[in-house]
Amino acid sequence: MKKGKRLLFVILIGWFMIFVWWFATGHAMKEAQLKRADGSYSIAVVLGAKVNGTTPSLALRYRLEAALSYAESHPNVTLVLSGGQGEDEGISEAQAMENFLSAHGFPKDRMIIEDRSTSTYENLVNTKKLIPQGVTGITLITSDYHLARAGYLAEKVGYDWDAIPAKTPKVVEAKVRFRERLALLKTWIVGK
């Protein structure tokens, strides 16, 4: 094969791989949103997101609003608030979530705090240590774009799952969806 044809072949293969990656991750992200929760699982894990000082970011607030609405509709559900404290956060994500839910009248006896994790994988591993051993399924409450990766990791940790997707802030939607496609591919390859 001549040098020019070889280069063209490599470029075409590269574009094909990008197309496959884009399609596969997009399909997974859409499918995960279809696994809608119906109250069957008694544990719902609210995955953390950025805290600005002590205030939930817009993404975290959307997750909390979705969690509050779901838990109020299903009084059998306990919420696990999962997220540690980053260097630029005034309090842990879990504490910010507890503060928000308490301010909205949600009972503390229906909240479990997991404030050590720094990744989605750790959210799920650490949650498993805090909930009853017999629990085999959980509801994931997180941003819509994040559900595919969170669900894949929940399965790796040993859970069946369903989901409540929270909306994504429009101001960051394109950026986080692209970044999530990369993160999902990494998770499929590495397993975390």
Protein backbone atom coordinates (compact mmCIF):
# COMPACT_ATOMS: atom_id res chain seq x y z
CA MET A 1 0.00 0.00 0.00
CA LYS A 2 1.36 3.42 -0.90
CA LYS A 3 1.99 6.00 1.78
CA GLY A 4 -0.94 8.23 0.74
CA LYS A 5 -3.41 5.34 0.65
CA ARG A 6 -2.18 4.07 4.01
CA LEU A 7 -2.71 7.52 5.57
CA LEU A 8 -6.20 7.71 4.08
CA PHE A 9 -6.97 4.22 5.43
CA VAL A 10 -5.79 5.21 8.93
CA ILE A 11 -7.88 8.39 8.81
CA LEU A 12 -10.97 6.48 7.71
CA ILE A 13 -10.49 3.88 10.46
CA GLY A 14 -10.06 6.70 12.98
CA TRP A 15 -13.30 8.39 11.88
CA PHE A 16 -15.10 5.05 11.98
CA MET A 17 -13.92 4.43 15.56
CA ILE A 18 -15.08 7.92 16.59
CA PHE A 19 -18.47 7.24 15.02
CA VAL A 20 -18.80 3.89 16.85
CA TRP A 21 -17.77 5.49 20.16
CA TRP A 22 -20.21 8.38 19.69
CA PHE A 23 -23.09 6.08 18.74
CA ALA A 24 -22.43 3.49 21.48
CA THR A 25 -22.13 6.02 24.30
CA GLY A 26 -25.13 8.03 23.08
CA HIS A 27 -27.24 4.89 22.86
CA ALA A 28 -26.21 3.81 26.38
CA MET A 29 -27.00 7.26 27.78
CA LYS A 30 -30.50 7.23 26.23
CA GLU A 31 -31.27 3.65 27.28
CA ALA A 32 -30.30 4.29 30.90
CA GLN A 33 -32.91 7.04 31.16
CA LEU A 34 -35.62 4.53 30.24
CA LYS A 35 -35.06 2.47 33.42
CA ARG A 36 -37.54 4.65 35.34
CA ALA A 37 -37.97 3.97 39.03
CA ASP A 38 -41.40 3.09 40.39
CA GLY A 39 -40.71 2.77 44.12
CA SER A 40 -39.79 -0.93 43.95
CA TYR A 41 -36.42 -0.36 45.62
CA SER A 42 -36.36 0.99 49.17
CA ILE A 43 -32.94 2.64 48.75
CA ALA A 44 -32.33 5.56 46.40
CA VAL A 45 -28.78 6.87 46.04
CA VAL A 46 -28.45 10.56 45.26
CA LEU A 47 -25.06 10.99 43.62
CA GLY A 48 -23.15 14.12 44.54
CA ALA A 49 -22.12 17.03 42.38
CA LYS A 50 -20.25 20.30 42.90
CA VAL A 51 -20.90 22.42 45.99
CA ASN A 52 -20.15 26.13 45.75
CA GLY A 53 -18.95 26.98 49.25
CA THR A 54 -21.86 25.47 51.17
CA THR A 55 -24.49 25.85 48.43
CA PRO A 56 -25.42 23.07 46.01
CA SER A 57 -24.51 23.84 42.40
CA LEU A 58 -27.37 23.99 39.92
CA ALA A 59 -26.64 20.40 38.84
CA LEU A 60 -26.77 19.18 42.44
CA ARG A 61 -29.92 21.20 43.11
CA TYR A 62 -31.64 19.54 40.13
CA ARG A 63 -30.65 16.13 41.52
CA LEU A 64 -32.01 17.08 44.94
CA GLU A 65 -35.29 18.38 43.53
CA ALA A 66 -35.72 15.10 41.62
CA ALA A 67 -34.87 13.12 44.78
CA LEU A 68 -37.28 15.11 46.93
CA SER A 69 -40.14 14.70 44.47
CA TYR A 70 -39.49 10.96 44.12
CA ALA A 71 -39.10 10.28 47.85
CA GLU A 72 -42.24 12.26 48.70
CA SER A 73 -44.17 10.11 46.20
CA HIS A 74 -42.69 6.91 47.66
CA PRO A 75 -42.67 7.03 51.48
CA ASN A 76 -40.97 3.61 51.65
CA VAL A 77 -37.78 5.05 50.11
CA THR A 78 -34.70 6.04 52.11
CA LEU A 79 -32.25 8.41 50.41
CA VAL A 80 -28.51 7.79 50.57
CA LEU A 81 -26.79 11.16 50.09
CA SER A 82 -23.43 10.30 48.62
CA GLY A 83 -20.51 12.66 48.03
CA GLY A 84 -17.33 13.75 49.74
CA GLN A 85 -15.75 17.18 50.04
CA GLY A 86 -13.49 18.52 47.32
CA GLU A 87 -10.65 20.94 48.07
CA ASP A 88 -12.70 23.85 46.71
CA GLU A 89 -15.90 22.94 48.58
CA GLY A 90 -16.81 24.39 51.99
CA ILE A 91 -18.66 21.24 53.09
CA SER A 92 -19.14 17.73 51.75
CA GLU A 93 -21.61 17.18 48.95
CA ALA A 94 -23.55 14.85 51.26
CA GLN A 95 -23.80 17.57 53.93
CA ALA A 96 -24.99 20.12 51.37
CA MET A 97 -27.63 17.61 50.26
CA GLU A 98 -28.76 16.95 53.83
CA ASN A 99 -29.00 20.69 54.51
CA PHE A 100 -31.09 21.23 51.36
CA LEU A 101 -33.47 18.35 52.04
CA SER A 102 -33.85 19.26 55.73
CA ALA A 103 -34.65 22.85 54.75
CA HIS A 104 -37.41 21.43 52.55
CA GLY A 105 -38.87 19.41 55.42
CA PHE A 106 -37.58 15.99 54.43
CA PRO A 107 -37.19 13.79 57.55
CA LYS A 108 -33.66 13.00 58.74
CA ASP A 109 -34.65 9.43 59.57
CA ARG A 110 -35.07 8.79 55.83
CA MET A 111 -31.54 9.98 54.99
CA ILE A 112 -28.24 8.12 55.15
CA ILE A 113 -25.08 10.20 54.81
CA GLU A 114 -22.08 8.92 52.83
CA ASP A 115 -19.52 11.72 52.85
CA ARG A 116 -16.22 10.03 51.95
CA SER A 117 -16.45 9.26 48.25
CA THR A 118 -14.64 11.15 45.50
CA SER A 119 -15.97 9.30 42.43
CA THR A 120 -19.10 7.58 41.20
CA TYR A 121 -17.51 4.19 41.81
CA GLU A 122 -16.67 5.15 45.40
CA ASN A 123 -20.22 6.51 45.87
CA LEU A 124 -21.56 3.03 45.17
CA VAL A 125 -18.91 1.03 47.04
CA ASN A 126 -19.23 3.21 50.14
CA THR A 127 -23.02 3.15 49.96
CA LYS A 128 -22.95 -0.66 49.98
CA LYS A 129 -21.20 -0.51 53.37
CA LEU A 130 -23.96 1.67 54.85
CA ILE A 131 -27.15 -0.06 53.74
CA PRO A 132 -28.63 -3.41 54.84
CA GLN A 133 -26.84 -6.46 53.41
CA GLY A 134 -29.97 -7.93 51.86
CA VAL A 135 -30.48 -5.00 49.49
CA THR A 136 -29.98 -6.19 45.91
CA GLY A 137 -31.43 -3.24 44.00
CA ILE A 138 -31.18 0.53 44.26
CA THR A 139 -32.58 3.59 42.55
CA LEU A 140 -29.98 5.96 41.13
CA ILE A 141 -30.77 9.66 41.22
CA THR A 142 -28.35 11.69 39.18
CA SER A 143 -28.14 13.90 36.11
CA ASP A 144 -29.70 12.34 33.02
CA TYR A 145 -26.40 12.18 31.12
CA HIS A 146 -24.69 10.39 34.05
CA LEU A 147 -27.10 7.47 34.45
CA ALA A 148 -25.44 5.06 32.00
CA ARG A 149 -22.09 5.16 33.76
CA ALA A 150 -23.66 5.14 37.23
CA GLY A 151 -25.80 2.14 36.25
CA TYR A 152 -22.84 0.25 34.80
CA LEU A 153 -20.89 0.84 38.02
CA ALA A 154 -23.88 -0.15 40.18
CA GLU A 155 -23.93 -3.48 38.34
CA LYS A 156 -20.17 -3.88 38.92
CA VAL A 157 -20.76 -3.37 42.65
CA GLY A 158 -23.54 -6.00 42.57
CA TYR A 159 -26.82 -4.06 42.30
CA ASP A 160 -29.80 -4.18 40.04
CA TRP A 161 -30.92 -0.62 39.44
CA ASP A 162 -33.52 1.73 38.14
CA ALA A 163 -33.30 5.48 37.87
CA ILE A 164 -34.67 8.94 38.33
CA PRO A 165 -32.94 11.23 35.84
CA ALA A 166 -32.43 14.84 36.89
CA LYS A 167 -32.25 17.50 34.22
CA THR A 168 -28.89 18.92 33.20
CA PRO A 169 -28.26 22.66 33.44
CA LYS A 170 -28.38 24.09 29.90
CA VAL A 171 -25.33 26.27 30.51
CA VAL A 172 -23.04 23.22 30.86
CA GLU A 173 -24.97 20.60 28.90
CA ALA A 174 -22.75 20.31 25.80
CA LYS A 175 -19.56 20.21 27.87
CA VAL A 176 -20.73 17.62 30.41
CA ARG A 177 -22.31 15.35 27.81
CA PHE A 178 -19.08 15.26 25.79
CA ARG A 179 -16.98 14.69 28.91
CA GLU A 180 -19.37 11.94 30.05
CA ARG A 181 -18.97 10.11 26.73
CA LEU A 182 -15.21 9.99 27.39
CA ALA A 183 -15.76 8.92 30.99
CA LEU A 184 -18.19 6.19 29.93
CA LEU A 185 -15.69 4.79 27.41
CA LYS A 186 -12.96 4.82 30.09
CA THR A 187 -15.30 3.04 32.52
CA TRP A 188 -16.14 0.36 29.96
CA ILE A 189 -12.42 -0.23 29.37
CA VAL A 190 -11.06 0.08 32.92
CA GLY A 191 -14.11 -1.08 34.86
CA LYS A 192 -14.31 1.92 37.22
